[in-house]
Amino acid sequence: MTSNYHTPIATGAAANASTFNSPMGELDDAIGDLYATQRAKVYKAADQSVSVRTETTLQFDAEYWDTDTIHDTSTNNSRLTCKTAGIYVVTANVVVEGVDGTGGEVWAGIRENGSDLRAQGYGEWIRDTESTPFKAEDAGISISVELDLDVNDYVEIRVYIESGSGSFDVLSGLTTFSIRRVSDSP
């Protein structure tokens, strides 16, 4: 029986290039391309101290994966740098440790090429008034944005803490930064 999608191969017959020039072969190629996209996901292996009322660029010292030399754990480790032009989804998850006795606000943003703010989010510590002394929960922020990037464009996460005094820790393990190419530029 012959279908519109493939031509059966007789038992014992050898397959050749024309056997795979079918819509199903093209679909397999497209699926392969989807999984072969350029991507990287990095995280903080150690906490990073951030001073209050100072915009700070986060450093990422460990990688879950990097398929296109997008990140370097020692040189400019704050950056995810585009190596293949296209449309990318960039995602940041930032967790800042709460401090006993305070409530407060934290801002995080994704910047392109060091200055252009492309996405931002806000979080706050919530004072637990049931406890004495007050206990603050960790503040978490998730941000995601699609960007049209050229080769050597880069993105970074910056944070700013509005409330309190001294410094707060951006938590290791929970703070991640990722980039994934989803298509060619229009």
Protein backbone atom coordinates (compact mmCIF):
# COMPACT_ATOMS: atom_id res chain seq x y z
CA MET A 1 0.00 0.00 0.00
CA THR A 2 1.36 3.43 -0.96
CA SER A 3 0.59 6.60 0.98
CA ASN A 4 1.18 10.25 0.24
CA TYR A 5 3.83 10.37 2.97
CA HIS A 6 6.28 7.59 2.12
CA THR A 7 7.06 4.81 -0.26
CA PRO A 8 7.39 1.38 1.36
CA ILE A 9 10.67 -0.43 0.90
CA ALA A 10 10.42 -4.07 -0.06
CA THR A 11 11.83 -6.58 2.40
CA GLY A 12 15.51 -7.07 1.70
CA ALA A 13 15.73 -4.06 -0.64
CA ALA A 14 18.41 -1.43 -0.12
CA ALA A 15 17.39 2.10 0.73
CA ASN A 16 18.87 4.94 -1.31
CA ALA A 17 18.79 8.75 -1.16
CA SER A 18 15.51 8.96 -3.09
CA THR A 19 13.86 6.81 -0.41
CA PHE A 20 14.31 9.64 2.07
CA ASN A 21 13.35 12.55 -0.19
CA SER A 22 9.81 12.62 1.11
CA PRO A 23 7.70 14.92 3.26
CA MET A 24 8.43 12.70 6.27
CA GLY A 25 12.18 13.12 5.71
CA GLU A 26 11.72 16.90 5.60
CA LEU A 27 9.74 16.73 8.84
CA ASP A 28 12.51 14.69 10.47
CA ASP A 29 15.05 17.33 9.33
CA ALA A 30 12.91 20.13 10.82
CA ILE A 31 12.57 18.29 14.12
CA GLY A 32 16.34 17.74 14.18
CA ASP A 33 16.90 21.47 13.58
CA LEU A 34 14.58 22.32 16.48
CA TYR A 35 16.66 20.29 18.92
CA ALA A 36 19.96 21.55 17.52
CA THR A 37 19.26 25.21 18.27
CA GLN A 38 21.88 27.41 19.86
CA ARG A 39 21.26 27.71 23.58
CA ALA A 40 22.88 28.15 26.97
CA LYS A 41 21.71 28.00 30.58
CA VAL A 42 23.96 29.27 33.35
CA TYR A 43 23.67 29.61 37.11
CA LYS A 44 25.37 30.95 40.20
CA ALA A 45 27.41 28.32 42.04
CA ALA A 46 28.04 30.82 44.86
CA ASP A 47 25.95 33.61 46.36
CA GLN A 48 26.70 37.16 45.14
CA SER A 49 26.46 40.12 47.50
CA VAL A 50 24.56 43.13 46.13
CA SER A 51 24.74 46.53 47.84
CA VAL A 52 21.51 48.41 48.46
CA ARG A 53 20.71 51.21 45.97
CA THR A 54 23.44 50.12 43.54
CA GLU A 55 22.56 48.61 40.17
CA THR A 56 24.68 45.46 40.00
CA THR A 57 25.44 43.11 37.11
CA LEU A 58 25.14 39.45 38.11
CA GLN A 59 28.05 37.07 37.49
CA PHE A 60 27.44 33.44 36.46
CA ASP A 61 30.18 30.98 37.32
CA ALA A 62 28.63 27.66 36.25
CA GLU A 63 26.78 26.20 33.25
CA TYR A 64 24.05 23.64 32.82
CA TRP A 65 24.75 23.65 29.06
CA ASP A 66 26.15 25.82 26.27
CA THR A 67 25.85 24.61 22.67
CA ASP A 68 27.42 27.58 20.85
CA THR A 69 30.17 29.06 23.13
CA ILE A 70 27.62 31.66 24.27
CA HIS A 71 28.99 31.88 27.83
CA ASP A 72 32.44 31.86 29.41
CA THR A 73 32.68 31.07 33.13
CA SER A 74 35.80 33.21 33.61
CA THR A 75 35.87 36.07 31.05
CA ASN A 76 32.81 38.38 31.00
CA ASN A 77 30.88 35.72 32.90
CA SER A 78 27.92 38.07 33.29
CA ARG A 79 27.23 37.83 29.54
CA LEU A 80 25.37 35.51 27.23
CA THR A 81 26.82 36.45 23.83
CA CYS A 82 25.08 35.70 20.54
CA LYS A 83 27.28 33.62 18.18
CA THR A 84 24.57 32.90 15.56
CA ALA A 85 22.24 35.77 14.56
CA GLY A 86 18.52 35.21 15.04
CA ILE A 87 15.52 35.53 17.33
CA TYR A 88 16.27 34.40 20.89
CA VAL A 89 14.16 33.83 24.00
CA VAL A 90 16.08 35.16 27.01
CA THR A 91 14.95 34.16 30.52
CA ALA A 92 16.19 35.30 33.92
CA ASN A 93 15.24 33.88 37.32
CA VAL A 94 16.64 35.88 40.23
CA VAL A 95 16.24 35.02 43.92
CA VAL A 96 17.43 37.49 46.57
CA GLU A 97 17.68 36.37 50.17
CA GLY A 98 15.26 37.98 52.61
CA VAL A 99 16.60 39.56 55.77
CA ASP A 100 15.01 39.23 59.19
CA GLY A 101 13.19 42.32 60.38
CA THR A 102 12.78 43.97 56.99
CA GLY A 103 10.46 44.12 54.06
CA GLY A 104 11.62 45.53 50.80
CA GLU A 105 11.71 45.66 47.02
CA VAL A 106 14.10 44.33 44.41
CA TRP A 107 14.24 45.07 40.68
CA ALA A 108 15.85 42.90 37.99
CA GLY A 109 16.30 43.71 34.33
CA ILE A 110 17.71 42.17 31.17
CA ARG A 111 20.03 44.58 29.38
CA GLU A 112 21.28 44.23 25.81
CA ASN A 113 24.86 45.28 24.99
CA GLY A 114 25.39 46.81 28.42
CA SER A 115 22.82 49.58 28.32
CA ASP A 116 19.52 48.91 26.53
CA LEU A 117 16.89 47.69 29.01
CA ARG A 118 14.81 45.01 27.24
CA ALA A 119 12.72 43.54 30.08
CA GLN A 120 12.31 44.03 33.80
CA GLY A 121 10.50 42.68 36.82
CA TYR A 122 9.93 43.52 40.47
CA GLY A 123 9.75 41.46 43.63
CA GLU A 124 9.32 42.20 47.28
CA TRP A 125 10.06 40.73 50.64
CA ILE A 126 6.96 40.16 52.71
CA ARG A 127 7.19 40.75 56.41
CA ASP A 128 5.84 37.85 58.43
CA THR A 129 4.18 39.74 61.29
CA GLU A 130 3.34 36.47 63.06
CA SER A 131 6.98 35.91 64.00
CA THR A 132 9.07 37.79 66.50
CA PRO A 133 11.49 39.03 65.35
CA PHE A 134 10.02 39.56 61.89
CA LYS A 135 11.12 37.05 59.23
CA ALA A 136 11.33 38.00 55.56
CA GLU A 137 10.79 35.59 52.68
CA ASP A 138 13.19 35.43 49.76
CA ALA A 139 12.21 37.65 46.81
CA GLY A 140 11.97 35.89 43.44
CA ILE A 141 11.69 37.47 39.99
CA SER A 142 11.21 35.74 36.63
CA ILE A 143 11.65 37.67 33.37
CA SER A 144 11.43 36.49 29.78
CA VAL A 145 11.77 38.39 26.49
CA GLU A 146 12.25 37.66 22.77
CA LEU A 147 15.12 39.58 21.15
CA ASP A 148 16.45 39.87 17.61
CA LEU A 149 20.21 39.54 18.16
CA ASP A 150 23.16 39.98 15.82
CA VAL A 151 26.47 38.15 16.19
CA ASN A 152 28.36 39.45 19.28
CA ASP A 153 25.30 41.17 20.80
CA TYR A 154 25.11 40.18 24.47
CA VAL A 155 22.60 40.21 27.31
CA GLU A 156 23.12 40.55 31.07
CA ILE A 157 21.00 40.61 34.22
CA ARG A 158 21.18 43.64 36.50
CA VAL A 159 19.58 43.92 39.94
CA TYR A 160 18.77 46.87 42.17
CA ILE A 161 17.61 46.62 45.80
CA GLU A 162 15.60 49.58 47.03
CA SER A 163 15.00 48.88 50.70
CA GLY A 164 17.10 48.20 53.74
CA SER A 165 20.76 48.93 54.32
CA GLY A 166 24.05 47.21 53.66
CA SER A 167 23.86 44.37 51.17
CA PHE A 168 21.79 41.31 50.30
CA ASP A 169 22.74 37.99 48.70
CA VAL A 170 21.56 36.86 45.29
CA LEU A 171 21.21 33.15 45.96
CA SER A 172 23.26 30.46 44.23
CA GLY A 173 21.53 27.51 42.60
CA LEU A 174 18.21 29.34 42.39
CA THR A 175 19.39 32.22 40.19
CA THR A 176 19.60 31.16 36.53
CA PHE A 177 19.98 32.85 33.15
CA SER A 178 19.22 31.24 29.79
CA ILE A 179 19.09 32.00 26.09
CA ARG A 180 17.68 29.90 23.24
CA ARG A 181 17.63 30.65 19.51
CA VAL A 182 14.14 30.02 18.15
CA SER A 183 14.34 31.27 14.56
CA ASP A 184 16.18 33.30 11.95
CA SER A 185 15.81 37.08 12.01
CA PRO A 186 12.90 38.37 9.92
